[in-house]
Amino acid sequence: MSVEATPEAALQEAADLWNQLSGADFIRAMIDKRLPDFSDISEYIGQAVTFAEPGRVEIAWSPEDKLCNPGGTVHGGYIAMILDNAVCMAASSTCEHFMPMLTLNLNVDYLRGVQSGQTYTVTGTCLHPGGTRMVSNALVTDVRGRPVAQASASVIPNKAFTR
């Protein structure tokens, strides 16, 4: 997306990429900032997608104090949110064209406390890229490579976005 692009031109370019790119390529276009931000959620939770290939995505996650519970650790709901983002993007990365996912179930295991002010790696992997129901896993690791949380999920393509 060019810096001088009008809002209308930027939206047209995003629509063109939406219709042309595979799921993994569309996520890479998000990483490369060739698409406008569709939501403030990534910035709010400290998420930056860093890698995508068919069936696998990586996210750098740097939660801030605003995501902490009164005990001083990141609230489990935000941990579940980042895991949900990873499993859905991993499934989307397998599609012929990017398709947002709807989560049918998300099973989370909290293994260690998550601290604000640190950067974690969140890896999502699609285990079963089915035509209707997909199964993905996600793992959050700290800077030492230790697992701090994991999730498994079933997701389905959001038919509201069917081309």
Protein backbone atom coordinates (compact mmCIF):
# COMPACT_ATOMS: atom_id res chain seq x y z
CA MET A 1 0.00 0.00 0.00
CA SER A 2 1.55 3.28 -1.04
CA VAL A 3 1.97 6.05 1.51
CA GLU A 4 0.26 8.53 -0.82
CA ALA A 5 -2.74 6.28 -1.47
CA THR A 6 -6.18 7.75 -0.85
CA PRO A 7 -8.43 5.83 1.55
CA GLU A 8 -10.48 4.64 -1.43
CA ALA A 9 -7.36 3.43 -3.28
CA ALA A 10 -6.13 1.66 -0.14
CA LEU A 11 -9.47 -0.13 0.24
CA GLN A 12 -9.45 -1.14 -3.42
CA GLU A 13 -5.91 -2.50 -3.07
CA ALA A 14 -6.97 -4.47 0.02
CA ALA A 15 -9.99 -5.85 -1.87
CA ASP A 16 -7.74 -6.89 -4.74
CA LEU A 17 -5.37 -8.69 -2.36
CA TRP A 18 -8.37 -10.32 -0.63
CA ASN A 19 -9.48 -11.80 -3.94
CA GLN A 20 -6.03 -12.75 -5.26
CA LEU A 21 -3.92 -14.08 -2.39
CA SER A 22 -3.87 -17.43 -0.64
CA GLY A 23 -4.52 -17.50 3.09
CA ALA A 24 -0.81 -17.58 3.95
CA ASP A 25 0.02 -14.88 1.40
CA PHE A 26 -2.75 -12.64 2.76
CA ILE A 27 -1.36 -12.99 6.30
CA ARG A 28 2.11 -12.15 4.93
CA ALA A 29 0.57 -9.04 3.32
CA MET A 30 -0.72 -8.08 6.78
CA ILE A 31 2.79 -8.58 8.19
CA ASP A 32 4.27 -6.42 5.40
CA LYS A 33 1.67 -3.68 6.11
CA ARG A 34 0.30 -3.92 2.57
CA LEU A 35 -3.18 -3.97 4.15
CA PRO A 36 -4.80 -1.40 6.42
CA ASP A 37 -5.42 -2.37 10.05
CA PHE A 38 -9.01 -3.56 10.27
CA SER A 39 -9.11 -3.38 14.05
CA ASP A 40 -7.20 -1.89 16.97
CA ILE A 41 -7.15 -5.23 18.80
CA SER A 42 -3.62 -6.21 17.71
CA GLU A 43 -2.19 -2.98 19.07
CA TYR A 44 -4.29 -3.17 22.23
CA ILE A 45 -3.12 -6.66 23.21
CA GLY A 46 0.45 -6.23 21.93
CA GLN A 47 0.26 -8.72 19.06
CA ALA A 48 2.45 -8.61 15.95
CA VAL A 49 2.24 -11.45 13.43
CA THR A 50 5.80 -12.19 12.33
CA PHE A 51 5.63 -15.30 10.15
CA ALA A 52 3.14 -17.23 8.06
CA GLU A 53 3.27 -20.29 5.85
CA PRO A 54 0.47 -22.69 4.99
CA GLY A 55 -0.55 -24.33 8.26
CA ARG A 56 1.72 -22.32 10.58
CA VAL A 57 1.88 -18.77 11.96
CA GLU A 58 4.05 -17.04 14.54
CA ILE A 59 3.10 -14.05 16.63
CA ALA A 60 5.33 -11.90 18.82
CA TRP A 61 3.24 -11.01 21.87
CA SER A 62 4.24 -8.23 24.26
CA PRO A 63 1.42 -7.79 26.79
CA GLU A 64 1.33 -4.53 28.74
CA ASP A 65 0.27 -3.82 32.33
CA LYS A 66 -3.26 -2.95 31.19
CA LEU A 67 -3.81 -6.69 30.51
CA CYS A 68 -2.92 -7.73 34.06
CA ASN A 69 -5.27 -8.94 36.75
CA PRO A 70 -5.08 -7.57 40.33
CA GLY A 71 -2.47 -10.24 41.13
CA GLY A 72 -0.04 -8.63 38.65
CA THR A 73 0.02 -11.32 35.95
CA VAL A 74 -1.63 -11.21 32.53
CA HIS A 75 -5.31 -12.16 32.82
CA GLY A 76 -6.13 -15.62 31.51
CA GLY A 77 -8.75 -14.19 29.17
CA TYR A 78 -6.06 -12.30 27.24
CA ILE A 79 -3.90 -15.43 27.12
CA ALA A 80 -6.89 -17.29 25.68
CA MET A 81 -7.41 -14.45 23.19
CA ILE A 82 -3.87 -14.63 21.81
CA LEU A 83 -4.11 -18.43 21.58
CA ASP A 84 -7.45 -18.10 19.78
CA ASN A 85 -5.91 -15.63 17.32
CA ALA A 86 -3.07 -18.08 16.61
CA VAL A 87 -5.28 -21.14 16.04
CA CYS A 88 -7.61 -19.19 13.75
CA MET A 89 -4.80 -17.66 11.69
CA ALA A 90 -3.10 -21.06 11.38
CA ALA A 91 -6.32 -22.49 9.94
CA SER A 92 -6.83 -19.44 7.68
CA SER A 93 -3.29 -19.84 6.36
CA THR A 94 -4.27 -23.18 4.77
CA CYS A 95 -7.11 -21.73 2.68
CA GLU A 96 -7.00 -21.10 -1.05
CA HIS A 97 -8.06 -17.53 -0.21
CA PHE A 98 -7.91 -15.98 3.27
CA MET A 99 -11.03 -16.75 5.27
CA PRO A 100 -11.69 -15.49 8.81
CA MET A 101 -12.50 -18.32 11.21
CA LEU A 102 -15.12 -18.85 13.88
CA THR A 103 -14.04 -20.79 16.96
CA LEU A 104 -16.20 -23.78 17.87
CA ASN A 105 -14.21 -24.69 20.96
CA LEU A 106 -10.96 -23.60 22.58
CA ASN A 107 -9.30 -25.73 25.25
CA VAL A 108 -6.61 -23.82 27.14
CA ASP A 109 -3.93 -25.08 29.52
CA TYR A 110 -2.21 -22.41 31.60
CA LEU A 111 1.27 -23.65 32.51
CA ARG A 112 3.13 -20.62 33.90
CA GLY A 113 2.28 -17.04 34.74
CA VAL A 114 2.54 -14.53 31.91
CA GLN A 115 4.23 -11.25 32.84
CA SER A 116 3.69 -7.87 31.24
CA GLY A 117 6.69 -6.15 29.68
CA GLN A 118 8.10 -9.35 28.20
CA THR A 119 7.83 -10.68 24.67
CA TYR A 120 6.44 -14.15 24.10
CA THR A 121 6.28 -16.25 20.95
CA VAL A 122 2.90 -17.68 20.01
CA THR A 123 2.97 -20.44 17.40
CA GLY A 124 -0.21 -21.67 15.77
CA THR A 125 -0.28 -24.90 13.78
CA CYS A 126 -3.19 -26.28 11.79
CA LEU A 127 -3.35 -30.05 12.32
CA HIS A 128 -6.43 -30.75 10.21
CA PRO A 129 -7.24 -28.28 7.42
CA GLY A 130 -10.63 -29.80 6.68
CA GLY A 131 -13.15 -28.43 4.25
CA THR A 132 -15.63 -27.50 6.96
CA ARG A 133 -14.11 -28.15 10.38
CA MET A 134 -10.45 -27.46 11.09
CA VAL A 135 -8.34 -28.38 14.10
CA SER A 136 -5.40 -26.24 15.25
CA ASN A 137 -3.04 -26.00 18.21
CA ALA A 138 -1.23 -22.99 19.62
CA LEU A 139 1.66 -22.66 22.05
CA VAL A 140 2.91 -19.62 23.96
CA THR A 141 6.60 -19.75 24.90
CA ASP A 142 8.73 -17.34 26.91
CA VAL A 143 12.15 -15.95 25.89
CA ARG A 144 13.80 -19.08 27.32
CA GLY A 145 11.64 -21.31 25.11
CA ARG A 146 9.55 -22.61 28.02
CA PRO A 147 5.86 -23.24 27.37
CA VAL A 148 3.59 -20.94 29.36
CA ALA A 149 0.21 -21.82 27.82
CA GLN A 150 -1.21 -23.99 25.09
CA ALA A 151 -4.54 -24.50 23.37
CA SER A 152 -6.29 -26.80 20.98
CA ALA A 153 -9.30 -25.67 19.00
CA SER A 154 -11.84 -26.53 16.37
CA VAL A 155 -12.69 -23.70 13.98
CA ILE A 156 -14.83 -23.24 10.90
CA PRO A 157 -14.64 -20.72 8.06
CA ASN A 158 -16.91 -17.72 8.64
CA LYS A 159 -19.38 -18.08 5.76
CA ALA A 160 -20.24 -14.38 5.98
CA PHE A 161 -16.98 -13.85 4.08
CA THR A 162 -17.54 -16.49 1.37
CA ARG A 163 -16.58 -15.27 -2.07
